């Protein structure tokens, strides 16, 4: 059930944005899409959001990430793939169309 982001760059890691950022758009479940799976762990939450172009896999490090989401982007060998996934999530949150997942995923 858990999609480890250190193994799969398709899993987007969300953390709360620092309080210095005055305007941060909360995650809107209506815009985000159908939740296919949800796993609440002691310290974090995992979601799979259904999308015809490719499901979104989210790991929220704390519940506060829902209200003030910020993307945590590890600078590893898969950083560009992770960035593509983050852009898909960002566009979806804005109600825009999203493209297919990158081929490497």
Protein backbone atom coordinates (compact mmCIF):
# COMPACT_ATOMS: atom_id res chain seq x y z
CA UNK A 1 0.00 0.00 0.00
CA UNK A 2 2.87 2.40 0.69
CA UNK A 3 4.84 3.72 -2.30
CA UNK A 4 8.24 4.67 -0.97
CA UNK A 5 9.47 7.89 -2.61
CA UNK A 6 13.10 6.83 -2.22
CA UNK A 7 12.27 3.90 -4.52
CA UNK A 8 9.64 5.46 -6.80
CA UNK A 9 10.10 9.01 -8.10
CA UNK A 10 6.39 8.91 -9.03
CA UNK A 11 5.56 9.42 -5.34
CA UNK A 12 5.38 13.13 -4.56
CA UNK A 13 6.46 14.17 -1.07
CA UNK A 14 4.48 17.03 0.49
CA UNK A 15 5.40 18.89 3.66
CA UNK A 16 3.92 22.03 5.24
CA UNK A 17 5.17 25.28 3.70
CA UNK A 18 7.08 27.57 6.07
CA UNK A 19 4.89 30.13 7.83
CA UNK A 20 6.81 32.95 6.07
CA UNK A 21 4.84 32.21 2.90
CA UNK A 22 1.68 34.28 3.29
CA UNK A 23 -0.37 32.67 0.53
CA UNK A 24 -0.27 28.92 0.06
CA UNK A 25 -3.19 27.23 -1.67
CA UNK A 26 -4.51 24.26 0.31
CA UNK A 27 -5.07 20.95 -1.40
CA UNK A 28 -8.59 20.99 -2.81
CA UNK A 29 -10.00 17.43 -2.80
CA UNK A 30 -12.72 18.41 -5.29
CA UNK A 31 -10.14 19.53 -7.87
CA UNK A 32 -7.60 16.87 -7.00
CA UNK A 33 -9.77 13.95 -8.06
CA UNK A 34 -10.97 10.60 -6.83
CA UNK A 35 -9.04 9.14 -3.93
CA UNK A 36 -8.41 5.52 -4.90
CA UNK A 37 -6.47 4.62 -1.77
CA UNK A 38 -5.57 6.25 1.52
CA UNK A 39 -3.26 5.05 4.26
CA UNK A 40 -2.96 6.96 7.52
CA UNK A 41 0.22 6.11 9.39
CA UNK A 42 1.28 7.41 12.78
CA UNK A 43 3.32 10.30 11.37
CA UNK A 44 2.21 10.68 7.76
CA UNK A 45 -0.49 10.00 5.17
CA UNK A 46 -0.36 8.29 1.77
CA UNK A 47 -2.87 8.93 -1.04
CA UNK A 48 -3.43 7.57 -4.52
CA UNK A 49 -5.44 9.95 -6.69
CA UNK A 50 -7.09 8.54 -9.80
CA UNK A 51 -6.21 10.22 -13.08
CA UNK A 52 -6.75 8.90 -16.62
CA UNK A 53 -3.32 10.26 -17.59
CA UNK A 54 -1.67 8.38 -14.71
CA UNK A 55 -2.44 8.15 -11.01
CA UNK A 56 -0.89 10.57 -8.54
CA UNK A 57 0.91 9.06 -5.56
CA UNK A 58 1.25 11.45 -2.62
CA UNK A 59 3.04 11.16 0.69
CA UNK A 60 2.09 13.91 3.15
CA UNK A 61 4.70 14.11 5.90
CA UNK A 62 2.17 15.63 8.31
CA UNK A 63 -1.56 16.40 8.13
CA UNK A 64 -0.59 20.11 8.03
CA UNK A 65 0.64 19.56 4.47
CA UNK A 66 -3.00 19.48 3.31
CA UNK A 67 -3.56 23.09 4.33
CA UNK A 68 -0.15 24.53 3.43
CA UNK A 69 1.43 22.13 0.91
CA UNK A 70 5.01 22.45 -0.22
CA UNK A 71 6.86 19.95 -2.37
CA UNK A 72 9.93 18.28 -0.94
CA UNK A 73 12.24 17.58 -3.88
CA UNK A 74 15.24 15.36 -3.13
CA UNK A 75 18.14 16.22 -5.43
CA UNK A 76 18.92 12.63 -6.39
CA UNK A 77 19.36 10.93 -9.77
CA UNK A 78 15.57 11.01 -10.24
CA UNK A 79 15.16 14.74 -9.46
CA UNK A 80 13.96 15.63 -12.97
CA UNK A 81 11.32 12.89 -12.88
CA UNK A 82 10.24 14.08 -9.43
CA UNK A 83 9.96 17.62 -10.78
CA UNK A 84 7.75 16.40 -13.65
CA UNK A 85 5.47 14.69 -11.11
CA UNK A 86 5.39 17.87 -9.00
CA UNK A 87 4.39 19.94 -12.04
CA UNK A 88 1.58 17.50 -12.84
CA UNK A 89 0.32 17.85 -9.27
CA UNK A 90 0.60 21.66 -9.38
CA UNK A 91 -1.29 21.89 -12.66
CA UNK A 92 -3.98 19.52 -11.44
CA UNK A 93 -4.45 21.60 -8.28
CA UNK A 94 -4.98 24.63 -10.51
CA UNK A 95 -7.66 22.79 -12.49
CA UNK A 96 -5.48 22.52 -15.61
CA UNK A 97 -5.14 19.49 -17.85
CA UNK A 98 -2.18 17.30 -17.11
CA UNK A 99 -0.19 15.25 -19.56
CA UNK A 100 0.83 11.64 -19.37
CA UNK A 101 3.40 10.51 -16.85
CA UNK A 102 7.00 10.63 -18.09
CA UNK A 103 8.00 7.45 -19.95
CA UNK A 104 10.62 6.59 -17.35
CA UNK A 105 7.86 6.08 -14.78
